[in-house]
Amino acid sequence: MASTEEIRTKLAEIVNDVAGVPVEDITDEKNFVDDLDIDSLSMVEIVYALQEAYNVEIPDEDVKGLRTVGDAIAYVEKVQENKQA
């Protein structure tokens, strides 16, 4: 299971790759749309990359709830914990 810091680092790399946002600007409280200027197509790419990286399933209805970087990190952690249970 990946640690919070590992997930945060990987997510920052993904957002950087997809949207060109500098890694150091990607913090837990940043909103994907408002702060990082991520459009819906880029968000789909980010979610897909997260699913691939952590072998997790993120249903479309849950993607709407991933408003901030912290939301996405917490979601991946929760799914990982549920898989181990």
C-alpha atoms as a PDB file:
ATOM      1  CA  MET A   1       0.000   0.000   0.000  1.00  0.00           C
ATOM      2  CA  ALA A   2       1.344   3.419  -0.966  1.00  0.00           C
ATOM      3  CA  SER A   3       1.896   6.042   1.715  1.00  0.00           C
ATOM      4  CA  THR A   4       0.192   9.437   1.647  1.00  0.00           C
ATOM      5  CA  GLU A   5       3.479  11.029   0.611  1.00  0.00           C
ATOM      6  CA  GLU A   6       3.979   8.518  -2.222  1.00  0.00           C
ATOM      7  CA  ILE A   7       0.472   9.166  -3.509  1.00  0.00           C
ATOM      8  CA  ARG A   8       0.978  12.941  -3.237  1.00  0.00           C
ATOM      9  CA  THR A   9       4.263  12.748  -5.168  1.00  0.00           C
ATOM     10  CA  LYS A  10       2.826  10.517  -7.897  1.00  0.00           C
ATOM     11  CA  LEU A  11      -0.290  12.676  -8.244  1.00  0.00           C
ATOM     12  CA  ALA A  12       1.882  15.783  -8.585  1.00  0.00           C
ATOM     13  CA  GLU A  13       3.884  14.049 -11.328  1.00  0.00           C
ATOM     14  CA  ILE A  14       0.683  13.048 -13.125  1.00  0.00           C
ATOM     15  CA  VAL A  15      -0.795  16.572 -12.939  1.00  0.00           C
ATOM     16  CA  ASN A  16       2.514  17.973 -14.159  1.00  0.00           C
ATOM     17  CA  ASP A  17       2.587  15.535 -17.097  1.00  0.00           C
ATOM     18  CA  VAL A  18      -1.043  16.084 -18.070  1.00  0.00           C
ATOM     19  CA  ALA A  19      -1.462  19.815 -17.464  1.00  0.00           C
ATOM     20  CA  GLY A  20       2.047  21.229 -17.171  1.00  0.00           C
ATOM     21  CA  VAL A  21       1.449  22.518 -13.637  1.00  0.00           C
ATOM     22  CA  PRO A  22       4.765  22.839 -11.752  1.00  0.00           C
ATOM     23  CA  VAL A  23       5.088  20.050  -9.172  1.00  0.00           C
ATOM     24  CA  GLU A  24       5.848  22.519  -6.372  1.00  0.00           C
ATOM     25  CA  ASP A  25       2.486  24.267  -6.995  1.00  0.00           C
ATOM     26  CA  ILE A  26       0.496  21.078  -6.395  1.00  0.00           C
ATOM     27  CA  THR A  27      -0.495  20.989  -2.729  1.00  0.00           C
ATOM     28  CA  ASP A  28      -3.319  19.210  -0.899  1.00  0.00           C
ATOM     29  CA  GLU A  29      -5.571  22.248  -0.614  1.00  0.00           C
ATOM     30  CA  LYS A  30      -5.358  23.194  -4.311  1.00  0.00           C
ATOM     31  CA  ASN A  31      -8.607  22.844  -6.252  1.00  0.00           C
ATOM     32  CA  PHE A  32      -8.068  21.089  -9.585  1.00  0.00           C
ATOM     33  CA  VAL A  33     -10.338  23.458 -11.530  1.00  0.00           C
ATOM     34  CA  ASP A  34     -10.056  26.780  -9.679  1.00  0.00           C
ATOM     35  CA  ASP A  35      -6.400  26.725  -8.615  1.00  0.00           C
ATOM     36  CA  LEU A  36      -4.678  24.404 -11.081  1.00  0.00           C
ATOM     37  CA  ASP A  37      -6.818  25.226 -14.147  1.00  0.00           C
ATOM     38  CA  ILE A  38      -7.525  21.559 -14.921  1.00  0.00           C
ATOM     39  CA  ASP A  39     -10.263  21.095 -17.521  1.00  0.00           C
ATOM     40  CA  SER A  40     -12.580  18.101 -17.655  1.00  0.00           C
ATOM     41  CA  LEU A  41     -10.559  16.296 -20.327  1.00  0.00           C
ATOM     42  CA  SER A  42      -7.346  16.695 -18.340  1.00  0.00           C
ATOM     43  CA  MET A  43      -9.155  15.492 -15.212  1.00  0.00           C
ATOM     44  CA  VAL A  44     -10.152  12.310 -17.060  1.00  0.00           C
ATOM     45  CA  GLU A  45      -6.481  11.764 -17.973  1.00  0.00           C
ATOM     46  CA  ILE A  46      -5.395  12.366 -14.370  1.00  0.00           C
ATOM     47  CA  VAL A  47      -7.985   9.925 -13.011  1.00  0.00           C
ATOM     48  CA  TYR A  48      -7.011   7.309 -15.598  1.00  0.00           C
ATOM     49  CA  ALA A  49      -3.323   7.674 -14.692  1.00  0.00           C
ATOM     50  CA  LEU A  50      -4.147   7.360 -10.973  1.00  0.00           C
ATOM     51  CA  GLN A  51      -6.161   4.216 -11.641  1.00  0.00           C
ATOM     52  CA  GLU A  52      -3.256   2.733 -13.598  1.00  0.00           C
ATOM     53  CA  ALA A  53      -0.627   3.747 -11.041  1.00  0.00           C
ATOM     54  CA  TYR A  54      -2.461   2.329  -8.021  1.00  0.00           C
ATOM     55  CA  ASN A  55      -4.623  -0.372  -9.613  1.00  0.00           C
ATOM     56  CA  VAL A  56      -7.772   1.264  -8.237  1.00  0.00           C
ATOM     57  CA  GLU A  57     -11.173   1.854  -9.775  1.00  0.00           C
ATOM     58  CA  ILE A  58     -12.564   5.404  -9.626  1.00  0.00           C
ATOM     59  CA  PRO A  59     -16.177   5.426 -10.888  1.00  0.00           C
ATOM     60  CA  ASP A  60     -17.296   8.481 -12.878  1.00  0.00           C
ATOM     61  CA  GLU A  61     -19.741   9.548 -10.154  1.00  0.00           C
ATOM     62  CA  ASP A  62     -16.873   9.644  -7.630  1.00  0.00           C
ATOM     63  CA  VAL A  63     -14.668  11.774  -9.892  1.00  0.00           C
ATOM     64  CA  LYS A  64     -17.038  14.723  -9.340  1.00  0.00           C
ATOM     65  CA  GLY A  65     -16.178  14.588  -5.631  1.00  0.00           C
ATOM     66  CA  LEU A  66     -12.451  14.900  -6.277  1.00  0.00           C
ATOM     67  CA  ARG A  67     -12.287  18.671  -6.120  1.00  0.00           C
ATOM     68  CA  THR A  68      -8.890  19.116  -4.497  1.00  0.00           C
ATOM     69  CA  VAL A  69      -5.552  17.357  -4.593  1.00  0.00           C
ATOM     70  CA  GLY A  70      -6.205  16.264  -0.998  1.00  0.00           C
ATOM     71  CA  ASP A  71      -9.554  14.734  -2.034  1.00  0.00           C
ATOM     72  CA  ALA A  72      -7.821  12.595  -4.649  1.00  0.00           C
ATOM     73  CA  ILE A  73      -5.113  11.472  -2.219  1.00  0.00           C
ATOM     74  CA  ALA A  74      -7.704  10.536   0.423  1.00  0.00           C
ATOM     75  CA  TYR A  75      -9.767   8.659  -2.166  1.00  0.00           C
ATOM     76  CA  VAL A  76      -6.821   6.514  -3.296  1.00  0.00           C
ATOM     77  CA  GLU A  77      -5.922   5.800   0.344  1.00  0.00           C
ATOM     78  CA  LYS A  78      -9.501   4.760   1.135  1.00  0.00           C
ATOM     79  CA  VAL A  79      -9.707   2.429  -1.870  1.00  0.00           C
ATOM     80  CA  GLN A  80      -6.353   0.857  -0.973  1.00  0.00           C
ATOM     81  CA  GLU A  81      -7.482   0.278   2.620  1.00  0.00           C
ATOM     82  CA  ASN A  82     -10.732  -1.313   1.440  1.00  0.00           C
ATOM     83  CA  LYS A  83      -8.827  -3.634  -0.892  1.00  0.00           C
ATOM     84  CA  GLN A  84      -6.675  -4.853   1.994  1.00  0.00           C
ATOM     85  CA  ALA A  85      -9.653  -5.485   4.292  1.00  0.00           C
END
